[in-house]
Protein backbone atom coordinates (compact mmCIF):
# COMPACT_ATOMS: atom_id res chain seq x y z
CA MET A 1 4.08 -16.80 -9.45
CA ASN A 2 0.45 -15.91 -10.08
CA ILE A 3 -1.05 -12.59 -8.97
CA ALA A 4 -4.82 -12.11 -9.00
CA VAL A 5 -5.80 -8.60 -10.09
CA ASP A 6 -9.21 -7.07 -9.48
CA ALA A 7 -9.80 -5.84 -13.02
CA MET A 8 -13.00 -4.00 -12.15
CA GLY A 9 -11.65 -1.72 -9.42
CA GLY A 10 -10.37 1.83 -9.66
CA ASP A 11 -11.63 5.18 -10.88
CA HIS A 12 -10.87 4.43 -14.53
CA GLY A 13 -12.29 0.91 -14.76
CA PRO A 14 -10.70 -2.01 -16.55
CA ASP A 15 -8.95 0.06 -19.25
CA VAL A 16 -6.09 1.11 -16.97
CA ILE A 17 -6.04 -2.07 -14.86
CA VAL A 18 -5.81 -4.42 -17.84
CA GLN A 19 -3.09 -2.37 -19.52
CA GLY A 20 -0.99 -2.32 -16.35
CA ALA A 21 -1.50 -6.05 -15.81
CA LEU A 22 -0.46 -6.86 -19.38
CA ASP A 23 2.67 -4.74 -18.96
CA ALA A 24 3.52 -6.59 -15.74
CA ALA A 25 2.99 -9.99 -17.33
CA SER A 26 5.22 -9.21 -20.31
CA GLU A 27 7.94 -7.25 -18.50
CA LEU A 28 8.17 -8.97 -15.11
CA GLY A 29 7.55 -12.59 -16.07
CA VAL A 30 4.69 -12.82 -13.57
CA HIS A 31 1.51 -14.69 -14.40
CA VAL A 32 -1.54 -12.46 -13.92
CA THR A 33 -5.13 -13.57 -13.46
CA LEU A 34 -7.56 -10.77 -14.30
CA VAL A 35 -10.76 -11.14 -12.26
CA GLY A 36 -13.99 -9.58 -13.45
CA LEU A 37 -16.49 -9.47 -16.30
CA GLU A 38 -14.82 -11.72 -18.87
CA ASP A 39 -16.26 -10.23 -22.08
CA LEU A 40 -15.29 -6.71 -21.04
CA ILE A 41 -11.79 -7.76 -19.95
CA ARG A 42 -11.13 -9.66 -23.18
CA GLU A 43 -12.27 -6.63 -25.15
CA LYS A 44 -9.66 -4.53 -23.32
CA ILE A 45 -6.96 -7.17 -23.84
CA GLY A 46 -7.53 -7.20 -27.60
CA HIS A 47 -4.63 -8.85 -29.37
CA ARG A 48 -2.21 -8.54 -26.45
CA GLN A 49 -1.80 -11.86 -24.65
CA ALA A 50 1.60 -11.27 -23.00
CA ASP A 51 2.97 -14.64 -24.15
CA GLY A 52 0.26 -16.60 -22.38
CA ASN A 53 1.06 -15.09 -18.97
CA VAL A 54 -2.45 -13.67 -18.61
CA THR A 55 -5.66 -15.52 -17.85
CA VAL A 56 -9.18 -14.25 -17.19
CA HIS A 57 -11.36 -15.47 -14.30
CA HIS A 58 -14.98 -14.53 -14.83
CA CYS A 59 -17.26 -13.25 -12.08
CA GLU A 60 -20.63 -11.54 -12.25
CA GLU A 61 -20.51 -8.81 -9.61
CA VAL A 62 -18.55 -5.62 -8.89
CA VAL A 63 -18.17 -3.53 -5.73
CA GLU A 64 -18.52 0.13 -6.67
CA MET A 65 -16.22 2.76 -5.17
CA ASP A 66 -19.06 4.46 -3.24
CA GLU A 67 -20.66 1.30 -1.80
CA SER A 68 -20.60 0.37 1.87
CA PRO A 69 -17.66 -2.08 1.95
CA LEU A 70 -18.88 -4.71 4.41
CA LYS A 71 -22.47 -4.73 3.12
CA ALA A 72 -21.28 -5.03 -0.47
CA ILE A 73 -18.94 -7.93 0.29
CA ARG A 74 -21.66 -9.83 2.15
CA LYS A 75 -24.31 -9.16 -0.47
CA LYS A 76 -22.05 -9.90 -3.43
CA PRO A 77 -20.25 -13.23 -2.95
CA ASP A 78 -19.27 -13.20 -6.63
CA ALA A 79 -17.74 -9.69 -6.51
CA SER A 80 -14.40 -9.41 -8.30
CA ILE A 81 -12.38 -8.47 -5.21
CA ARG A 82 -13.82 -11.34 -3.17
CA VAL A 83 -13.24 -13.84 -5.98
CA ALA A 84 -9.63 -12.63 -6.25
CA PHE A 85 -9.08 -13.44 -2.57
CA ASN A 86 -10.83 -16.79 -3.06
CA LEU A 87 -8.15 -17.67 -5.62
CA VAL A 88 -5.47 -17.05 -2.98
CA ARG A 89 -7.38 -19.01 -0.34
CA ASP A 90 -7.75 -21.98 -2.68
CA GLY A 91 -4.09 -21.95 -3.67
CA ASN A 92 -4.71 -20.76 -7.23
CA ALA A 93 -3.01 -17.38 -6.76
CA ASP A 94 -0.17 -16.06 -4.60
CA GLY A 95 -1.37 -12.51 -4.01
CA VAL A 96 -4.04 -9.92 -4.78
CA VAL A 97 -3.78 -6.43 -6.28
CA SER A 98 -6.71 -4.02 -6.30
CA ALA A 99 -7.27 -0.34 -7.04
CA GLY A 100 -10.92 -0.59 -6.07
CA ASN A 101 -12.79 0.20 -2.88
CA SER A 102 -10.09 -0.13 -0.20
CA GLY A 103 -12.65 -0.84 2.52
CA ALA A 104 -14.07 -3.68 0.43
CA THR A 105 -10.55 -5.00 -0.16
CA LEU A 106 -9.95 -5.07 3.60
CA ALA A 107 -13.34 -6.70 4.32
CA ALA A 108 -12.92 -9.31 1.59
CA GLY A 109 -9.42 -10.14 2.79
CA ILE A 110 -10.53 -10.64 6.40
CA LEU A 111 -13.64 -12.66 5.51
CA THR A 112 -11.83 -14.83 2.97
CA LEU A 113 -8.29 -15.29 4.30
CA GLY A 114 -8.53 -14.26 7.93
CA ARG A 115 -5.93 -12.46 10.03
CA LEU A 116 -2.48 -13.54 11.07
CA GLU A 117 -2.32 -14.81 14.64
CA GLY A 118 -1.92 -11.89 17.01
CA VAL A 119 -3.38 -9.30 14.60
CA GLU A 120 -6.66 -7.69 15.57
CA ARG A 121 -6.63 -4.94 12.93
CA PRO A 122 -4.86 -5.35 9.58
CA ALA A 123 -3.28 -2.07 8.45
CA ILE A 124 -2.22 -0.38 5.22
CA ALA A 125 1.45 0.57 5.06
CA SER A 126 2.42 3.25 2.57
CA PHE A 127 5.82 4.49 1.39
CA VAL A 128 6.65 8.18 1.62
CA PRO A 129 9.68 9.51 -0.30
CA ARG A 130 12.16 11.75 1.46
CA GLU A 131 15.72 13.06 1.26
CA ARG A 132 17.31 9.78 2.40
CA GLY A 133 15.46 6.74 1.13
CA ARG A 134 11.83 6.31 2.16
CA VAL A 135 9.75 5.89 5.27
CA ILE A 136 6.90 3.48 6.01
CA LEU A 137 3.74 5.21 7.24
CA ILE A 138 1.26 2.83 8.92
CA ASP A 139 -1.79 2.88 9.09
CA VAL A 140 -2.98 5.05 6.17
CA GLY A 141 -6.67 4.30 6.05
CA ALA A 142 -7.74 0.84 7.18
CA ASN A 143 -8.58 1.79 10.78
CA VAL A 144 -9.87 5.21 11.79
CA ASP A 145 -10.68 4.30 15.41
CA CYS A 146 -7.84 2.54 17.22
CA ARG A 147 -6.84 1.46 20.70
CA PRO A 148 -3.24 1.88 21.92
CA ALA A 149 -2.64 -1.87 21.44
CA HIS A 150 -3.62 -1.51 17.79
CA LEU A 151 -0.99 1.19 17.26
CA PHE A 152 1.58 -1.11 18.80
CA GLN A 153 0.50 -3.88 16.42
CA PHE A 154 1.00 -1.49 13.52
CA GLY A 155 4.51 -0.81 14.75
CA VAL A 156 5.31 -4.52 14.97
CA MET A 157 3.97 -5.14 11.46
CA GLY A 158 5.81 -2.11 10.08
CA ASN A 159 9.02 -3.34 11.68
CA ALA A 160 8.52 -6.84 10.25
CA TYR A 161 7.80 -5.48 6.77
CA ALA A 162 10.79 -3.14 6.84
CA THR A 163 13.18 -5.96 7.74
CA ALA A 164 11.62 -8.74 5.63
CA CYS A 165 10.86 -6.91 2.40
CA LEU A 166 12.91 -3.72 2.45
CA MET A 167 16.01 -5.30 4.04
CA MET A 168 16.29 -2.59 6.71
CA GLN A 169 18.40 -3.46 9.75
CA ASP A 170 16.75 -2.72 13.10
CA PRO A 171 14.57 0.11 11.73
CA LYS A 172 13.84 3.08 13.97
CA ILE A 173 10.17 3.45 14.83
CA GLY A 174 8.40 6.68 15.73
CA LEU A 175 4.88 7.41 16.96
CA LEU A 176 3.25 10.32 15.13
CA SER A 177 2.12 13.03 17.56
CA ILE A 178 1.90 16.80 18.01
CA GLY A 179 5.16 17.00 19.92
CA GLU A 180 8.23 14.96 20.79
CA GLU A 181 7.59 15.01 24.54
CA GLY A 182 5.94 11.94 26.05
CA SER A 183 3.20 14.08 27.57
CA LYS A 184 2.09 15.36 24.14
CA GLY A 185 -0.76 13.83 22.16
CA ASN A 186 -4.10 12.27 23.05
CA ASP A 187 -4.67 9.35 25.43
CA GLN A 188 -4.36 6.88 22.58
CA VAL A 189 -0.87 8.08 21.67
CA ARG A 190 0.37 8.42 25.25
CA LEU A 191 -0.72 4.88 26.20
CA ALA A 192 0.66 3.44 22.96
CA ARG A 193 4.00 5.09 23.71
CA GLU A 194 4.19 3.14 26.99
CA LEU A 195 3.75 -0.13 25.10
CA PHE A 196 6.50 0.79 22.65
CA GLU A 197 8.87 1.82 25.43
CA GLU A 198 8.43 -1.51 27.22
CA SER A 199 9.09 -3.54 24.07
CA ARG A 200 12.29 -4.60 22.32
CA LEU A 201 11.47 -2.58 19.23
CA ASN A 202 13.90 0.16 18.24
CA PHE A 203 11.46 2.85 19.37
CA VAL A 204 12.78 6.43 19.27
CA GLY A 205 9.74 8.16 20.77
CA ASN A 206 7.21 10.61 19.39
CA VAL A 207 7.80 12.22 16.01
CA GLU A 208 6.09 15.20 14.41
CA GLY A 209 4.73 15.61 10.91
CA ARG A 210 7.93 17.17 9.58
CA ASP A 211 9.91 14.13 10.73
CA ILE A 212 8.15 12.00 8.12
CA PHE A 213 10.29 13.76 5.52
CA SER A 214 13.42 14.74 7.42
CA GLY A 215 13.57 12.68 10.60
CA ASP A 216 15.86 9.78 11.32
CA VAL A 217 13.12 7.14 11.46
CA GLN A 218 12.15 4.35 9.05
CA VAL A 219 8.66 3.52 10.37
CA VAL A 220 6.07 6.09 11.49
CA VAL A 221 3.00 4.77 13.31
CA CYS A 222 -0.43 6.43 13.49
CA ASP A 223 -4.11 5.58 13.23
CA GLY A 224 -5.74 5.32 9.81
CA PHE A 225 -7.52 8.68 10.00
CA VAL A 226 -4.36 10.67 10.69
CA GLY A 227 -2.30 8.52 8.32
CA ASN A 228 -4.67 8.94 5.40
CA VAL A 229 -4.76 12.71 5.83
CA ALA A 230 -0.94 12.80 6.03
CA LEU A 231 -0.62 10.64 2.92
CA LYS A 232 -3.05 12.72 0.86
CA VAL A 233 -1.29 15.93 1.95
CA THR A 234 2.01 14.39 0.87
CA GLU A 235 0.63 13.41 -2.55
CA GLY A 236 -0.90 16.84 -3.07
CA MET A 237 2.29 18.60 -1.98
CA GLY A 238 4.38 16.52 -4.37
CA GLN A 239 2.09 17.33 -7.31
CA ALA A 240 2.02 21.03 -6.39
CA MET A 241 5.82 21.21 -6.07
CA THR A 242 6.31 19.60 -9.47
CA SER A 243 3.76 21.93 -11.07
CA MET A 244 5.23 25.09 -9.49
CA LEU A 245 8.75 24.08 -10.46
CA LYS A 246 7.72 23.60 -14.10
CA GLU A 247 5.95 26.97 -14.05
CA GLU A 248 9.05 28.77 -12.79
CA LEU A 249 11.31 26.99 -15.28
CA ASN A 250 9.11 28.19 -18.16
CA ARG A 251 9.03 31.81 -17.00
CA SER A 252 11.92 33.11 -19.13
CA LEU A 253 14.32 32.09 -21.89
CA MET A 254 17.19 31.55 -19.43
CA SER A 255 15.05 29.42 -17.14
CA ARG A 256 13.92 27.32 -20.12
CA ILE A 257 17.55 26.77 -21.06
CA GLY A 258 18.23 25.76 -17.47
CA ARG A 259 15.30 23.36 -17.62
CA PHE A 260 16.71 21.76 -20.77
CA LEU A 261 20.15 21.33 -19.20
CA SER A 262 18.72 19.84 -16.01
CA ARG A 263 16.01 17.69 -17.61
CA LYS A 264 17.48 14.42 -16.33
CA ALA A 265 17.59 15.67 -12.73
CA LEU A 266 14.04 17.03 -13.06
CA ARG A 267 12.81 13.67 -14.37
CA LEU A 268 14.38 11.84 -11.43
CA PHE A 269 12.92 14.42 -9.04
CA SER A 270 9.43 13.83 -10.43
CA GLN A 271 9.84 10.07 -10.17
CA ARG A 272 10.77 10.29 -6.48
CA LEU A 273 7.54 12.17 -5.76
CA ASP A 274 5.29 9.99 -7.95
CA TYR A 275 3.28 7.37 -6.02
CA ALA A 276 3.11 5.30 -9.22
CA GLU A 277 6.75 4.36 -8.63
CA TYR A 278 5.69 2.35 -5.58
CA GLY A 279 2.57 0.94 -7.19
CA GLY A 280 0.51 0.53 -4.07
CA ALA A 281 0.46 -0.04 -0.34
CA PRO A 282 0.68 -3.50 1.26
CA LEU A 283 -2.27 -4.51 3.41
CA LEU A 284 -0.47 -6.10 6.36
CA GLY A 285 -1.93 -8.57 8.85
CA LEU A 286 -3.89 -10.83 6.49
CA LYS A 287 -3.05 -14.48 5.88
CA GLY A 288 -2.08 -13.58 2.35
CA VAL A 289 -0.36 -10.94 0.26
CA ALA A 290 -2.53 -7.99 -0.77
CA ILE A 291 -1.59 -4.67 -2.38
CA VAL A 292 -3.99 -1.71 -2.30
CA CYS A 293 -3.44 0.67 -5.21
CA HIS A 294 -4.62 4.26 -5.54
CA GLY A 295 -8.09 4.56 -7.09
CA GLY A 296 -6.69 6.86 -9.77
CA SER A 297 -3.75 4.58 -10.56
CA SER A 298 -2.07 4.70 -13.95
CA PRO A 299 -1.04 1.55 -15.86
CA ARG A 300 2.49 2.06 -14.50
CA ALA A 301 1.17 2.12 -10.93
CA ILE A 302 -0.75 -1.12 -11.51
CA ARG A 303 2.34 -2.73 -13.03
CA ASN A 304 4.43 -1.71 -10.03
CA GLY A 305 1.72 -2.85 -7.64
CA ILE A 306 1.90 -6.32 -9.20
CA ARG A 307 5.69 -6.20 -8.95
CA GLN A 308 5.43 -5.32 -5.27
CA ALA A 309 3.04 -8.23 -4.64
CA ALA A 310 5.47 -10.62 -6.32
CA VAL A 311 8.39 -9.32 -4.22
CA ASN A 312 6.37 -9.81 -1.04
CA VAL A 313 5.67 -13.41 -1.99
CA GLU A 314 9.30 -14.08 -2.94
CA ASN A 315 10.57 -12.61 0.33
CA GLN A 316 8.14 -14.73 2.38
CA VAL A 317 6.88 -11.66 4.16
CA LEU A 318 3.96 -13.52 5.75
CA ASP A 319 6.19 -16.09 7.45
CA LYS A 320 8.59 -13.45 8.73
CA MET A 321 5.78 -11.25 9.95
CA SER A 322 4.25 -14.18 11.85
CA VAL A 323 7.55 -14.70 13.65
CA GLU A 324 7.74 -11.01 14.60
CA LEU A 325 4.15 -10.95 15.81
CA ASN A 326 4.80 -14.00 17.97
CA ASN A 327 7.84 -12.31 19.53
CA PHE A 328 5.75 -9.34 20.67
CA ARG A 329 2.47 -11.09 21.48
CA ASP A 330 2.56 -10.16 25.18
CA PHE A 331 2.33 -6.45 24.28
CA MET A 332 -0.61 -6.76 21.85
CA VAL A 333 -3.43 -7.58 24.23
């Protein structure tokens, strides 16, 4: 198992990426290829070699976080994210992990690997924690302008990922809207609902924002604009809840005693709300495994992103997703 990691991506540069990759190589037994400026990467590695499970693949160019994704990928053929996908294309790596420019990751993946048959728009699927398990939210940023058929594709890919990688049985799928009634929502949502209703997917109808956390669905479908806003609200809410809880538990002597006695439960609570536990979001629909990590990822998030990529490869997610897409091809025109 060899995972190519874009060492130059992210808000914090190679410091965090390299540390997380080294942790993954030593703790998970996964070989990691760090792609980027070799001298800088080796400086960050220092004396840590993770038992030979880490190699460095040099490239000259980097896509910055504020660059236009498609222009940057076309102008910079030796950019770290594009070279990482080249390694997968050439059979020298099994998957890609990047915390860099997500648009550039999507563009590089499409230009280098191509799309699975039947997929017009690859989508990013994120995990949202809730009271019972977790829910897949798709798309969360890859596509801001979608047709109804694209939303249906997202549902098929979310269903395939839930069954192939998360071992869910016949997951329930909901379409994110402003009301449960079929008449609610814009034209895009109403027409997409018709496609879902005609299919063999376990479609339960429209769901509202609150159902992401409390509803009885495993996959929630939306376009990338709505999904990204929902995801960022979720992350912000989780951080605010943790901060407010700590503030209240420090307000008096009795509350501090209570905090001490419940420290294990509080630690587990924080972990459930921390996106670093999931590592990143799979970019579904490419002819290869790709994980998109948060730009502000910690070393733990990078480590878990690499772990997630390895699990996707082991579970043959691409093959299973291709089968699912073929089963629903008639609906994805």
